[in-house]
Amino acid sequence: VIVTDAPPSAEWVKRFDAEGVRVIY
């Protein structure tokens, strides 16, 4: 999981999806 304070860029969202990383912001 990555917990951050703002929506990541589209490139990072795609990368997180590929790596199976959940994102919370």
PDBML (XML) file of the C-alpha atoms, coordinates in Angstrom:
<?xml version="1.0" encoding="UTF-8" ?>
<PDBx:datablock datablockName="MODEL"
   xmlns:PDBx="http://pdbml.pdb.org/schema/pdbx-v50.xsd"
   xmlns:xsi="http://www.w3.org/2001/XMLSchema-instance"
   xsi:schemaLocation="http://pdbml.pdb.org/schema/pdbx-v50.xsd pdbx-v50.xsd">
   <PDBx:atom_siteCategory>
      <PDBx:atom_site id="1">
         <PDBx:B_iso_or_equiv>0.00</PDBx:B_iso_or_equiv>
         <PDBx:Cartn_x>0.000</PDBx:Cartn_x>
         <PDBx:Cartn_y>0.000</PDBx:Cartn_y>
         <PDBx:Cartn_z>0.000</PDBx:Cartn_z>
         <PDBx:auth_asym_id>A</PDBx:auth_asym_id>
         <PDBx:auth_atom_id>CA</PDBx:auth_atom_id>
         <PDBx:auth_comp_id>VAL</PDBx:auth_comp_id>
         <PDBx:auth_seq_id>1</PDBx:auth_seq_id>
         <PDBx:group_PDB>ATOM</PDBx:group_PDB>
         <PDBx:label_alt_id xsi:nil="true" />
         <PDBx:label_asym_id>A</PDBx:label_asym_id>
         <PDBx:label_atom_id>CA</PDBx:label_atom_id>
         <PDBx:label_comp_id>VAL</PDBx:label_comp_id>
         <PDBx:label_entity_id>1</PDBx:label_entity_id>
         <PDBx:label_seq_id>1</PDBx:label_seq_id>
         <PDBx:occupancy>1.00</PDBx:occupancy>
         <PDBx:pdbx_PDB_model_num>1</PDBx:pdbx_PDB_model_num>
         <PDBx:type_symbol>C</PDBx:type_symbol>
      </PDBx:atom_site>
      <PDBx:atom_site id="2">
         <PDBx:B_iso_or_equiv>0.00</PDBx:B_iso_or_equiv>
         <PDBx:Cartn_x>1.057</PDBx:Cartn_x>
         <PDBx:Cartn_y>3.591</PDBx:Cartn_y>
         <PDBx:Cartn_z>-0.612</PDBx:Cartn_z>
         <PDBx:auth_asym_id>A</PDBx:auth_asym_id>
         <PDBx:auth_atom_id>CA</PDBx:auth_atom_id>
         <PDBx:auth_comp_id>ILE</PDBx:auth_comp_id>
         <PDBx:auth_seq_id>2</PDBx:auth_seq_id>
         <PDBx:group_PDB>ATOM</PDBx:group_PDB>
         <PDBx:label_alt_id xsi:nil="true" />
         <PDBx:label_asym_id>A</PDBx:label_asym_id>
         <PDBx:label_atom_id>CA</PDBx:label_atom_id>
         <PDBx:label_comp_id>ILE</PDBx:label_comp_id>
         <PDBx:label_entity_id>1</PDBx:label_entity_id>
         <PDBx:label_seq_id>2</PDBx:label_seq_id>
         <PDBx:occupancy>1.00</PDBx:occupancy>
         <PDBx:pdbx_PDB_model_num>1</PDBx:pdbx_PDB_model_num>
         <PDBx:type_symbol>C</PDBx:type_symbol>
      </PDBx:atom_site>
      <PDBx:atom_site id="3">
         <PDBx:B_iso_or_equiv>0.00</PDBx:B_iso_or_equiv>
         <PDBx:Cartn_x>-0.619</PDBx:Cartn_x>
         <PDBx:Cartn_y>6.295</PDBx:Cartn_y>
         <PDBx:Cartn_z>1.459</PDBx:Cartn_z>
         <PDBx:auth_asym_id>A</PDBx:auth_asym_id>
         <PDBx:auth_atom_id>CA</PDBx:auth_atom_id>
         <PDBx:auth_comp_id>VAL</PDBx:auth_comp_id>
         <PDBx:auth_seq_id>3</PDBx:auth_seq_id>
         <PDBx:group_PDB>ATOM</PDBx:group_PDB>
         <PDBx:label_alt_id xsi:nil="true" />
         <PDBx:label_asym_id>A</PDBx:label_asym_id>
         <PDBx:label_atom_id>CA</PDBx:label_atom_id>
         <PDBx:label_comp_id>VAL</PDBx:label_comp_id>
         <PDBx:label_entity_id>1</PDBx:label_entity_id>
         <PDBx:label_seq_id>3</PDBx:label_seq_id>
         <PDBx:occupancy>1.00</PDBx:occupancy>
         <PDBx:pdbx_PDB_model_num>1</PDBx:pdbx_PDB_model_num>
         <PDBx:type_symbol>C</PDBx:type_symbol>
      </PDBx:atom_site>
      <PDBx:atom_site id="4">
         <PDBx:B_iso_or_equiv>0.00</PDBx:B_iso_or_equiv>
         <PDBx:Cartn_x>-0.126</PDBx:Cartn_x>
         <PDBx:Cartn_y>9.809</PDBx:Cartn_y>
         <PDBx:Cartn_z>0.121</PDBx:Cartn_z>
         <PDBx:auth_asym_id>A</PDBx:auth_asym_id>
         <PDBx:auth_atom_id>CA</PDBx:auth_atom_id>
         <PDBx:auth_comp_id>THR</PDBx:auth_comp_id>
         <PDBx:auth_seq_id>4</PDBx:auth_seq_id>
         <PDBx:group_PDB>ATOM</PDBx:group_PDB>
         <PDBx:label_alt_id xsi:nil="true" />
         <PDBx:label_asym_id>A</PDBx:label_asym_id>
         <PDBx:label_atom_id>CA</PDBx:label_atom_id>
         <PDBx:label_comp_id>THR</PDBx:label_comp_id>
         <PDBx:label_entity_id>1</PDBx:label_entity_id>
         <PDBx:label_seq_id>4</PDBx:label_seq_id>
         <PDBx:occupancy>1.00</PDBx:occupancy>
         <PDBx:pdbx_PDB_model_num>1</PDBx:pdbx_PDB_model_num>
         <PDBx:type_symbol>C</PDBx:type_symbol>
      </PDBx:atom_site>
      <PDBx:atom_site id="5">
         <PDBx:B_iso_or_equiv>0.00</PDBx:B_iso_or_equiv>
         <PDBx:Cartn_x>-1.717</PDBx:Cartn_x>
         <PDBx:Cartn_y>13.270</PDBx:Cartn_y>
         <PDBx:Cartn_z>0.201</PDBx:Cartn_z>
         <PDBx:auth_asym_id>A</PDBx:auth_asym_id>
         <PDBx:auth_atom_id>CA</PDBx:auth_atom_id>
         <PDBx:auth_comp_id>ASP</PDBx:auth_comp_id>
         <PDBx:auth_seq_id>5</PDBx:auth_seq_id>
         <PDBx:group_PDB>ATOM</PDBx:group_PDB>
         <PDBx:label_alt_id xsi:nil="true" />
         <PDBx:label_asym_id>A</PDBx:label_asym_id>
         <PDBx:label_atom_id>CA</PDBx:label_atom_id>
         <PDBx:label_comp_id>ASP</PDBx:label_comp_id>
         <PDBx:label_entity_id>1</PDBx:label_entity_id>
         <PDBx:label_seq_id>5</PDBx:label_seq_id>
         <PDBx:occupancy>1.00</PDBx:occupancy>
         <PDBx:pdbx_PDB_model_num>1</PDBx:pdbx_PDB_model_num>
         <PDBx:type_symbol>C</PDBx:type_symbol>
      </PDBx:atom_site>
      <PDBx:atom_site id="6">
         <PDBx:B_iso_or_equiv>0.00</PDBx:B_iso_or_equiv>
         <PDBx:Cartn_x>-2.645</PDBx:Cartn_x>
         <PDBx:Cartn_y>13.838</PDBx:Cartn_y>
         <PDBx:Cartn_z>-3.452</PDBx:Cartn_z>
         <PDBx:auth_asym_id>A</PDBx:auth_asym_id>
         <PDBx:auth_atom_id>CA</PDBx:auth_atom_id>
         <PDBx:auth_comp_id>ALA</PDBx:auth_comp_id>
         <PDBx:auth_seq_id>6</PDBx:auth_seq_id>
         <PDBx:group_PDB>ATOM</PDBx:group_PDB>
         <PDBx:label_alt_id xsi:nil="true" />
         <PDBx:label_asym_id>A</PDBx:label_asym_id>
         <PDBx:label_atom_id>CA</PDBx:label_atom_id>
         <PDBx:label_comp_id>ALA</PDBx:label_comp_id>
         <PDBx:label_entity_id>1</PDBx:label_entity_id>
         <PDBx:label_seq_id>6</PDBx:label_seq_id>
         <PDBx:occupancy>1.00</PDBx:occupancy>
         <PDBx:pdbx_PDB_model_num>1</PDBx:pdbx_PDB_model_num>
         <PDBx:type_symbol>C</PDBx:type_symbol>
      </PDBx:atom_site>
      <PDBx:atom_site id="7">
         <PDBx:B_iso_or_equiv>0.00</PDBx:B_iso_or_equiv>
         <PDBx:Cartn_x>-3.667</PDBx:Cartn_x>
         <PDBx:Cartn_y>11.784</PDBx:Cartn_y>
         <PDBx:Cartn_z>-6.490</PDBx:Cartn_z>
         <PDBx:auth_asym_id>A</PDBx:auth_asym_id>
         <PDBx:auth_atom_id>CA</PDBx:auth_atom_id>
         <PDBx:auth_comp_id>PRO</PDBx:auth_comp_id>
         <PDBx:auth_seq_id>7</PDBx:auth_seq_id>
         <PDBx:group_PDB>ATOM</PDBx:group_PDB>
         <PDBx:label_alt_id xsi:nil="true" />
         <PDBx:label_asym_id>A</PDBx:label_asym_id>
         <PDBx:label_atom_id>CA</PDBx:label_atom_id>
         <PDBx:label_comp_id>PRO</PDBx:label_comp_id>
         <PDBx:label_entity_id>1</PDBx:label_entity_id>
         <PDBx:label_seq_id>7</PDBx:label_seq_id>
         <PDBx:occupancy>1.00</PDBx:occupancy>
         <PDBx:pdbx_PDB_model_num>1</PDBx:pdbx_PDB_model_num>
         <PDBx:type_symbol>C</PDBx:type_symbol>
      </PDBx:atom_site>
      <PDBx:atom_site id="8">
         <PDBx:B_iso_or_equiv>0.00</PDBx:B_iso_or_equiv>
         <PDBx:Cartn_x>-0.574</PDBx:Cartn_x>
         <PDBx:Cartn_y>10.312</PDBx:Cartn_y>
         <PDBx:Cartn_z>-8.219</PDBx:Cartn_z>
         <PDBx:auth_asym_id>A</PDBx:auth_asym_id>
         <PDBx:auth_atom_id>CA</PDBx:auth_atom_id>
         <PDBx:auth_comp_id>PRO</PDBx:auth_comp_id>
         <PDBx:auth_seq_id>8</PDBx:auth_seq_id>
         <PDBx:group_PDB>ATOM</PDBx:group_PDB>
         <PDBx:label_alt_id xsi:nil="true" />
         <PDBx:label_asym_id>A</PDBx:label_asym_id>
         <PDBx:label_atom_id>CA</PDBx:label_atom_id>
         <PDBx:label_comp_id>PRO</PDBx:label_comp_id>
         <PDBx:label_entity_id>1</PDBx:label_entity_id>
         <PDBx:label_seq_id>8</PDBx:label_seq_id>
         <PDBx:occupancy>1.00</PDBx:occupancy>
         <PDBx:pdbx_PDB_model_num>1</PDBx:pdbx_PDB_model_num>
         <PDBx:type_symbol>C</PDBx:type_symbol>
      </PDBx:atom_site>
      <PDBx:atom_site id="9">
         <PDBx:B_iso_or_equiv>0.00</PDBx:B_iso_or_equiv>
         <PDBx:Cartn_x>0.009</PDBx:Cartn_x>
         <PDBx:Cartn_y>10.979</PDBx:Cartn_y>
         <PDBx:Cartn_z>-11.906</PDBx:Cartn_z>
         <PDBx:auth_asym_id>A</PDBx:auth_asym_id>
         <PDBx:auth_atom_id>CA</PDBx:auth_atom_id>
         <PDBx:auth_comp_id>SER</PDBx:auth_comp_id>
         <PDBx:auth_seq_id>9</PDBx:auth_seq_id>
         <PDBx:group_PDB>ATOM</PDBx:group_PDB>
         <PDBx:label_alt_id xsi:nil="true" />
         <PDBx:label_asym_id>A</PDBx:label_asym_id>
         <PDBx:label_atom_id>CA</PDBx:label_atom_id>
         <PDBx:label_comp_id>SER</PDBx:label_comp_id>
         <PDBx:label_entity_id>1</PDBx:label_entity_id>
         <PDBx:label_seq_id>9</PDBx:label_seq_id>
         <PDBx:occupancy>1.00</PDBx:occupancy>
         <PDBx:pdbx_PDB_model_num>1</PDBx:pdbx_PDB_model_num>
         <PDBx:type_symbol>C</PDBx:type_symbol>
      </PDBx:atom_site>
      <PDBx:atom_site id="10">
         <PDBx:B_iso_or_equiv>0.00</PDBx:B_iso_or_equiv>
         <PDBx:Cartn_x>-1.571</PDBx:Cartn_x>
         <PDBx:Cartn_y>8.730</PDBx:Cartn_y>
         <PDBx:Cartn_z>-14.533</PDBx:Cartn_z>
         <PDBx:auth_asym_id>A</PDBx:auth_asym_id>
         <PDBx:auth_atom_id>CA</PDBx:auth_atom_id>
         <PDBx:auth_comp_id>ALA</PDBx:auth_comp_id>
         <PDBx:auth_seq_id>10</PDBx:auth_seq_id>
         <PDBx:group_PDB>ATOM</PDBx:group_PDB>
         <PDBx:label_alt_id xsi:nil="true" />
         <PDBx:label_asym_id>A</PDBx:label_asym_id>
         <PDBx:label_atom_id>CA</PDBx:label_atom_id>
         <PDBx:label_comp_id>ALA</PDBx:label_comp_id>
         <PDBx:label_entity_id>1</PDBx:label_entity_id>
         <PDBx:label_seq_id>10</PDBx:label_seq_id>
         <PDBx:occupancy>1.00</PDBx:occupancy>
         <PDBx:pdbx_PDB_model_num>1</PDBx:pdbx_PDB_model_num>
         <PDBx:type_symbol>C</PDBx:type_symbol>
      </PDBx:atom_site>
      <PDBx:atom_site id="11">
         <PDBx:B_iso_or_equiv>0.00</PDBx:B_iso_or_equiv>
         <PDBx:Cartn_x>1.823</PDBx:Cartn_x>
         <PDBx:Cartn_y>7.135</PDBx:Cartn_y>
         <PDBx:Cartn_z>-15.134</PDBx:Cartn_z>
         <PDBx:auth_asym_id>A</PDBx:auth_asym_id>
         <PDBx:auth_atom_id>CA</PDBx:auth_atom_id>
         <PDBx:auth_comp_id>GLU</PDBx:auth_comp_id>
         <PDBx:auth_seq_id>11</PDBx:auth_seq_id>
         <PDBx:group_PDB>ATOM</PDBx:group_PDB>
         <PDBx:label_alt_id xsi:nil="true" />
         <PDBx:label_asym_id>A</PDBx:label_asym_id>
         <PDBx:label_atom_id>CA</PDBx:label_atom_id>
         <PDBx:label_comp_id>GLU</PDBx:label_comp_id>
         <PDBx:label_entity_id>1</PDBx:label_entity_id>
         <PDBx:label_seq_id>11</PDBx:label_seq_id>
         <PDBx:occupancy>1.00</PDBx:occupancy>
         <PDBx:pdbx_PDB_model_num>1</PDBx:pdbx_PDB_model_num>
         <PDBx:type_symbol>C</PDBx:type_symbol>
      </PDBx:atom_site>
      <PDBx:atom_site id="12">
         <PDBx:B_iso_or_equiv>0.00</PDBx:B_iso_or_equiv>
         <PDBx:Cartn_x>2.186</PDBx:Cartn_x>
         <PDBx:Cartn_y>6.226</PDBx:Cartn_y>
         <PDBx:Cartn_z>-11.478</PDBx:Cartn_z>
         <PDBx:auth_asym_id>A</PDBx:auth_asym_id>
         <PDBx:auth_atom_id>CA</PDBx:auth_atom_id>
         <PDBx:auth_comp_id>TRP</PDBx:auth_comp_id>
         <PDBx:auth_seq_id>12</PDBx:auth_seq_id>
         <PDBx:group_PDB>ATOM</PDBx:group_PDB>
         <PDBx:label_alt_id xsi:nil="true" />
         <PDBx:label_asym_id>A</PDBx:label_asym_id>
         <PDBx:label_atom_id>CA</PDBx:label_atom_id>
         <PDBx:label_comp_id>TRP</PDBx:label_comp_id>
         <PDBx:label_entity_id>1</PDBx:label_entity_id>
         <PDBx:label_seq_id>12</PDBx:label_seq_id>
         <PDBx:occupancy>1.00</PDBx:occupancy>
         <PDBx:pdbx_PDB_model_num>1</PDBx:pdbx_PDB_model_num>
         <PDBx:type_symbol>C</PDBx:type_symbol>
      </PDBx:atom_site>
      <PDBx:atom_site id="13">
         <PDBx:B_iso_or_equiv>0.00</PDBx:B_iso_or_equiv>
         <PDBx:Cartn_x>-1.390</PDBx:Cartn_x>
         <PDBx:Cartn_y>4.918</PDBx:Cartn_y>
         <PDBx:Cartn_z>-11.252</PDBx:Cartn_z>
         <PDBx:auth_asym_id>A</PDBx:auth_asym_id>
         <PDBx:auth_atom_id>CA</PDBx:auth_atom_id>
         <PDBx:auth_comp_id>VAL</PDBx:auth_comp_id>
         <PDBx:auth_seq_id>13</PDBx:auth_seq_id>
         <PDBx:group_PDB>ATOM</PDBx:group_PDB>
         <PDBx:label_alt_id xsi:nil="true" />
         <PDBx:label_asym_id>A</PDBx:label_asym_id>
         <PDBx:label_atom_id>CA</PDBx:label_atom_id>
         <PDBx:label_comp_id>VAL</PDBx:label_comp_id>
         <PDBx:label_entity_id>1</PDBx:label_entity_id>
         <PDBx:label_seq_id>13</PDBx:label_seq_id>
         <PDBx:occupancy>1.00</PDBx:occupancy>
         <PDBx:pdbx_PDB_model_num>1</PDBx:pdbx_PDB_model_num>
         <PDBx:type_symbol>C</PDBx:type_symbol>
      </PDBx:atom_site>
      <PDBx:atom_site id="14">
         <PDBx:B_iso_or_equiv>0.00</PDBx:B_iso_or_equiv>
         <PDBx:Cartn_x>-0.676</PDBx:Cartn_x>
         <PDBx:Cartn_y>2.620</PDBx:Cartn_y>
         <PDBx:Cartn_z>-14.184</PDBx:Cartn_z>
         <PDBx:auth_asym_id>A</PDBx:auth_asym_id>
         <PDBx:auth_atom_id>CA</PDBx:auth_atom_id>
         <PDBx:auth_comp_id>LYS</PDBx:auth_comp_id>
         <PDBx:auth_seq_id>14</PDBx:auth_seq_id>
         <PDBx:group_PDB>ATOM</PDBx:group_PDB>
         <PDBx:label_alt_id xsi:nil="true" />
         <PDBx:label_asym_id>A</PDBx:label_asym_id>
         <PDBx:label_atom_id>CA</PDBx:label_atom_id>
         <PDBx:label_comp_id>LYS</PDBx:label_comp_id>
         <PDBx:label_entity_id>1</PDBx:label_entity_id>
         <PDBx:label_seq_id>14</PDBx:label_seq_id>
         <PDBx:occupancy>1.00</PDBx:occupancy>
         <PDBx:pdbx_PDB_model_num>1</PDBx:pdbx_PDB_model_num>
         <PDBx:type_symbol>C</PDBx:type_symbol>
      </PDBx:atom_site>
      <PDBx:atom_site id="15">
         <PDBx:B_iso_or_equiv>0.00</PDBx:B_iso_or_equiv>
         <PDBx:Cartn_x>2.538</PDBx:Cartn_x>
         <PDBx:Cartn_y>1.456</PDBx:Cartn_y>
         <PDBx:Cartn_z>-12.553</PDBx:Cartn_z>
         <PDBx:auth_asym_id>A</PDBx:auth_asym_id>
         <PDBx:auth_atom_id>CA</PDBx:auth_atom_id>
         <PDBx:auth_comp_id>ARG</PDBx:auth_comp_id>
         <PDBx:auth_seq_id>15</PDBx:auth_seq_id>
         <PDBx:group_PDB>ATOM</PDBx:group_PDB>
         <PDBx:label_alt_id xsi:nil="true" />
         <PDBx:label_asym_id>A</PDBx:label_asym_id>
         <PDBx:label_atom_id>CA</PDBx:label_atom_id>
         <PDBx:label_comp_id>ARG</PDBx:label_comp_id>
         <PDBx:label_entity_id>1</PDBx:label_entity_id>
         <PDBx:label_seq_id>15</PDBx:label_seq_id>
         <PDBx:occupancy>1.00</PDBx:occupancy>
         <PDBx:pdbx_PDB_model_num>1</PDBx:pdbx_PDB_model_num>
         <PDBx:type_symbol>C</PDBx:type_symbol>
      </PDBx:atom_site>
      <PDBx:atom_site id="16">
         <PDBx:B_iso_or_equiv>0.00</PDBx:B_iso_or_equiv>
         <PDBx:Cartn_x>0.852</PDBx:Cartn_x>
         <PDBx:Cartn_y>0.787</PDBx:Cartn_y>
         <PDBx:Cartn_z>-9.207</PDBx:Cartn_z>
         <PDBx:auth_asym_id>A</PDBx:auth_asym_id>
         <PDBx:auth_atom_id>CA</PDBx:auth_atom_id>
         <PDBx:auth_comp_id>PHE</PDBx:auth_comp_id>
         <PDBx:auth_seq_id>16</PDBx:auth_seq_id>
         <PDBx:group_PDB>ATOM</PDBx:group_PDB>
         <PDBx:label_alt_id xsi:nil="true" />
         <PDBx:label_asym_id>A</PDBx:label_asym_id>
         <PDBx:label_atom_id>CA</PDBx:label_atom_id>
         <PDBx:label_comp_id>PHE</PDBx:label_comp_id>
         <PDBx:label_entity_id>1</PDBx:label_entity_id>
         <PDBx:label_seq_id>16</PDBx:label_seq_id>
         <PDBx:occupancy>1.00</PDBx:occupancy>
         <PDBx:pdbx_PDB_model_num>1</PDBx:pdbx_PDB_model_num>
         <PDBx:type_symbol>C</PDBx:type_symbol>
      </PDBx:atom_site>
      <PDBx:atom_site id="17">
         <PDBx:B_iso_or_equiv>0.00</PDBx:B_iso_or_equiv>
         <PDBx:Cartn_x>-1.881</PDBx:Cartn_x>
         <PDBx:Cartn_y>-1.210</PDBx:Cartn_y>
         <PDBx:Cartn_z>-10.940</PDBx:Cartn_z>
         <PDBx:auth_asym_id>A</PDBx:auth_asym_id>
         <PDBx:auth_atom_id>CA</PDBx:auth_atom_id>
         <PDBx:auth_comp_id>ASP</PDBx:auth_comp_id>
         <PDBx:auth_seq_id>17</PDBx:auth_seq_id>
         <PDBx:group_PDB>ATOM</PDBx:group_PDB>
         <PDBx:label_alt_id xsi:nil="true" />
         <PDBx:label_asym_id>A</PDBx:label_asym_id>
         <PDBx:label_atom_id>CA</PDBx:label_atom_id>
         <PDBx:label_comp_id>ASP</PDBx:label_comp_id>
         <PDBx:label_entity_id>1</PDBx:label_entity_id>
         <PDBx:label_seq_id>17</PDBx:label_seq_id>
         <PDBx:occupancy>1.00</PDBx:occupancy>
         <PDBx:pdbx_PDB_model_num>1</PDBx:pdbx_PDB_model_num>
         <PDBx:type_symbol>C</PDBx:type_symbol>
      </PDBx:atom_site>
      <PDBx:atom_site id="18">
         <PDBx:B_iso_or_equiv>0.00</PDBx:B_iso_or_equiv>
         <PDBx:Cartn_x>0.741</PDBx:Cartn_x>
         <PDBx:Cartn_y>-3.298</PDBx:Cartn_y>
         <PDBx:Cartn_z>-12.708</PDBx:Cartn_z>
         <PDBx:auth_asym_id>A</PDBx:auth_asym_id>
         <PDBx:auth_atom_id>CA</PDBx:auth_atom_id>
         <PDBx:auth_comp_id>ALA</PDBx:auth_comp_id>
         <PDBx:auth_seq_id>18</PDBx:auth_seq_id>
         <PDBx:group_PDB>ATOM</PDBx:group_PDB>
         <PDBx:label_alt_id xsi:nil="true" />
         <PDBx:label_asym_id>A</PDBx:label_asym_id>
         <PDBx:label_atom_id>CA</PDBx:label_atom_id>
         <PDBx:label_comp_id>ALA</PDBx:label_comp_id>
         <PDBx:label_entity_id>1</PDBx:label_entity_id>
         <PDBx:label_seq_id>18</PDBx:label_seq_id>
         <PDBx:occupancy>1.00</PDBx:occupancy>
         <PDBx:pdbx_PDB_model_num>1</PDBx:pdbx_PDB_model_num>
         <PDBx:type_symbol>C</PDBx:type_symbol>
      </PDBx:atom_site>
      <PDBx:atom_site id="19">
         <PDBx:B_iso_or_equiv>0.00</PDBx:B_iso_or_equiv>
         <PDBx:Cartn_x>2.617</PDBx:Cartn_x>
         <PDBx:Cartn_y>-3.983</PDBx:Cartn_y>
         <PDBx:Cartn_z>-9.454</PDBx:Cartn_z>
         <PDBx:auth_asym_id>A</PDBx:auth_asym_id>
         <PDBx:auth_atom_id>CA</PDBx:auth_atom_id>
         <PDBx:auth_comp_id>GLU</PDBx:auth_comp_id>
         <PDBx:auth_seq_id>19</PDBx:auth_seq_id>
         <PDBx:group_PDB>ATOM</PDBx:group_PDB>
         <PDBx:label_alt_id xsi:nil="true" />
         <PDBx:label_asym_id>A</PDBx:label_asym_id>
         <PDBx:label_atom_id>CA</PDBx:label_atom_id>
         <PDBx:label_comp_id>GLU</PDBx:label_comp_id>
         <PDBx:label_entity_id>1</PDBx:label_entity_id>
         <PDBx:label_seq_id>19</PDBx:label_seq_id>
         <PDBx:occupancy>1.00</PDBx:occupancy>
         <PDBx:pdbx_PDB_model_num>1</PDBx:pdbx_PDB_model_num>
         <PDBx:type_symbol>C</PDBx:type_symbol>
      </PDBx:atom_site>
      <PDBx:atom_site id="20">
         <PDBx:B_iso_or_equiv>0.00</PDBx:B_iso_or_equiv>
         <PDBx:Cartn_x>-0.556</PDBx:Cartn_x>
         <PDBx:Cartn_y>-4.674</PDBx:Cartn_y>
         <PDBx:Cartn_z>-7.449</PDBx:Cartn_z>
         <PDBx:auth_asym_id>A</PDBx:auth_asym_id>
         <PDBx:auth_atom_id>CA</PDBx:auth_atom_id>
         <PDBx:auth_comp_id>GLY</PDBx:auth_comp_id>
         <PDBx:auth_seq_id>20</PDBx:auth_seq_id>
         <PDBx:group_PDB>ATOM</PDBx:group_PDB>
         <PDBx:label_alt_id xsi:nil="true" />
         <PDBx:label_asym_id>A</PDBx:label_asym_id>
         <PDBx:label_atom_id>CA</PDBx:label_atom_id>
         <PDBx:label_comp_id>GLY</PDBx:label_comp_id>
         <PDBx:label_entity_id>1</PDBx:label_entity_id>
         <PDBx:label_seq_id>20</PDBx:label_seq_id>
         <PDBx:occupancy>1.00</PDBx:occupancy>
         <PDBx:pdbx_PDB_model_num>1</PDBx:pdbx_PDB_model_num>
         <PDBx:type_symbol>C</PDBx:type_symbol>
      </PDBx:atom_site>
      <PDBx:atom_site id="21">
         <PDBx:B_iso_or_equiv>0.00</PDBx:B_iso_or_equiv>
         <PDBx:Cartn_x>0.049</PDBx:Cartn_x>
         <PDBx:Cartn_y>-1.735</PDBx:Cartn_y>
         <PDBx:Cartn_z>-5.119</PDBx:Cartn_z>
         <PDBx:auth_asym_id>A</PDBx:auth_asym_id>
         <PDBx:auth_atom_id>CA</PDBx:auth_atom_id>
         <PDBx:auth_comp_id>VAL</PDBx:auth_comp_id>
         <PDBx:auth_seq_id>21</PDBx:auth_seq_id>
         <PDBx:group_PDB>ATOM</PDBx:group_PDB>
         <PDBx:label_alt_id xsi:nil="true" />
         <PDBx:label_asym_id>A</PDBx:label_asym_id>
         <PDBx:label_atom_id>CA</PDBx:label_atom_id>
         <PDBx:label_comp_id>VAL</PDBx:label_comp_id>
         <PDBx:label_entity_id>1</PDBx:label_entity_id>
         <PDBx:label_seq_id>21</PDBx:label_seq_id>
         <PDBx:occupancy>1.00</PDBx:occupancy>
         <PDBx:pdbx_PDB_model_num>1</PDBx:pdbx_PDB_model_num>
         <PDBx:type_symbol>C</PDBx:type_symbol>
      </PDBx:atom_site>
      <PDBx:atom_site id="22">
         <PDBx:B_iso_or_equiv>0.00</PDBx:B_iso_or_equiv>
         <PDBx:Cartn_x>-3.029</PDBx:Cartn_x>
         <PDBx:Cartn_y>-0.202</PDBx:Cartn_y>
         <PDBx:Cartn_z>-3.489</PDBx:Cartn_z>
         <PDBx:auth_asym_id>A</PDBx:auth_asym_id>
         <PDBx:auth_atom_id>CA</PDBx:auth_atom_id>
         <PDBx:auth_comp_id>ARG</PDBx:auth_comp_id>
         <PDBx:auth_seq_id>22</PDBx:auth_seq_id>
         <PDBx:group_PDB>ATOM</PDBx:group_PDB>
         <PDBx:label_alt_id xsi:nil="true" />
         <PDBx:label_asym_id>A</PDBx:label_asym_id>
         <PDBx:label_atom_id>CA</PDBx:label_atom_id>
         <PDBx:label_comp_id>ARG</PDBx:label_comp_id>
         <PDBx:label_entity_id>1</PDBx:label_entity_id>
         <PDBx:label_seq_id>22</PDBx:label_seq_id>
         <PDBx:occupancy>1.00</PDBx:occupancy>
         <PDBx:pdbx_PDB_model_num>1</PDBx:pdbx_PDB_model_num>
         <PDBx:type_symbol>C</PDBx:type_symbol>
      </PDBx:atom_site>
      <PDBx:atom_site id="23">
         <PDBx:B_iso_or_equiv>0.00</PDBx:B_iso_or_equiv>
         <PDBx:Cartn_x>-3.049</PDBx:Cartn_x>
         <PDBx:Cartn_y>3.613</PDBx:Cartn_y>
         <PDBx:Cartn_z>-3.295</PDBx:Cartn_z>
         <PDBx:auth_asym_id>A</PDBx:auth_asym_id>
         <PDBx:auth_atom_id>CA</PDBx:auth_atom_id>
         <PDBx:auth_comp_id>VAL</PDBx:auth_comp_id>
         <PDBx:auth_seq_id>23</PDBx:auth_seq_id>
         <PDBx:group_PDB>ATOM</PDBx:group_PDB>
         <PDBx:label_alt_id xsi:nil="true" />
         <PDBx:label_asym_id>A</PDBx:label_asym_id>
         <PDBx:label_atom_id>CA</PDBx:label_atom_id>
         <PDBx:label_comp_id>VAL</PDBx:label_comp_id>
         <PDBx:label_entity_id>1</PDBx:label_entity_id>
         <PDBx:label_seq_id>23</PDBx:label_seq_id>
         <PDBx:occupancy>1.00</PDBx:occupancy>
         <PDBx:pdbx_PDB_model_num>1</PDBx:pdbx_PDB_model_num>
         <PDBx:type_symbol>C</PDBx:type_symbol>
      </PDBx:atom_site>
      <PDBx:atom_site id="24">
         <PDBx:B_iso_or_equiv>0.00</PDBx:B_iso_or_equiv>
         <PDBx:Cartn_x>-4.830</PDBx:Cartn_x>
         <PDBx:Cartn_y>5.662</PDBx:Cartn_y>
         <PDBx:Cartn_z>-0.617</PDBx:Cartn_z>
         <PDBx:auth_asym_id>A</PDBx:auth_asym_id>
         <PDBx:auth_atom_id>CA</PDBx:auth_atom_id>
         <PDBx:auth_comp_id>ILE</PDBx:auth_comp_id>
         <PDBx:auth_seq_id>24</PDBx:auth_seq_id>
         <PDBx:group_PDB>ATOM</PDBx:group_PDB>
         <PDBx:label_alt_id xsi:nil="true" />
         <PDBx:label_asym_id>A</PDBx:label_asym_id>
         <PDBx:label_atom_id>CA</PDBx:label_atom_id>
         <PDBx:label_comp_id>ILE</PDBx:label_comp_id>
         <PDBx:label_entity_id>1</PDBx:label_entity_id>
         <PDBx:label_seq_id>24</PDBx:label_seq_id>
         <PDBx:occupancy>1.00</PDBx:occupancy>
         <PDBx:pdbx_PDB_model_num>1</PDBx:pdbx_PDB_model_num>
         <PDBx:type_symbol>C</PDBx:type_symbol>
      </PDBx:atom_site>
      <PDBx:atom_site id="25">
         <PDBx:B_iso_or_equiv>0.00</PDBx:B_iso_or_equiv>
         <PDBx:Cartn_x>-4.969</PDBx:Cartn_x>
         <PDBx:Cartn_y>9.478</PDBx:Cartn_y>
         <PDBx:Cartn_z>-0.728</PDBx:Cartn_z>
         <PDBx:auth_asym_id>A</PDBx:auth_asym_id>
         <PDBx:auth_atom_id>CA</PDBx:auth_atom_id>
         <PDBx:auth_comp_id>TYR</PDBx:auth_comp_id>
         <PDBx:auth_seq_id>25</PDBx:auth_seq_id>
         <PDBx:group_PDB>ATOM</PDBx:group_PDB>
         <PDBx:label_alt_id xsi:nil="true" />
         <PDBx:label_asym_id>A</PDBx:label_asym_id>
         <PDBx:label_atom_id>CA</PDBx:label_atom_id>
         <PDBx:label_comp_id>TYR</PDBx:label_comp_id>
         <PDBx:label_entity_id>1</PDBx:label_entity_id>
         <PDBx:label_seq_id>25</PDBx:label_seq_id>
         <PDBx:occupancy>1.00</PDBx:occupancy>
         <PDBx:pdbx_PDB_model_num>1</PDBx:pdbx_PDB_model_num>
         <PDBx:type_symbol>C</PDBx:type_symbol>
      </PDBx:atom_site>
   </PDBx:atom_siteCategory>
</PDBx:datablock>
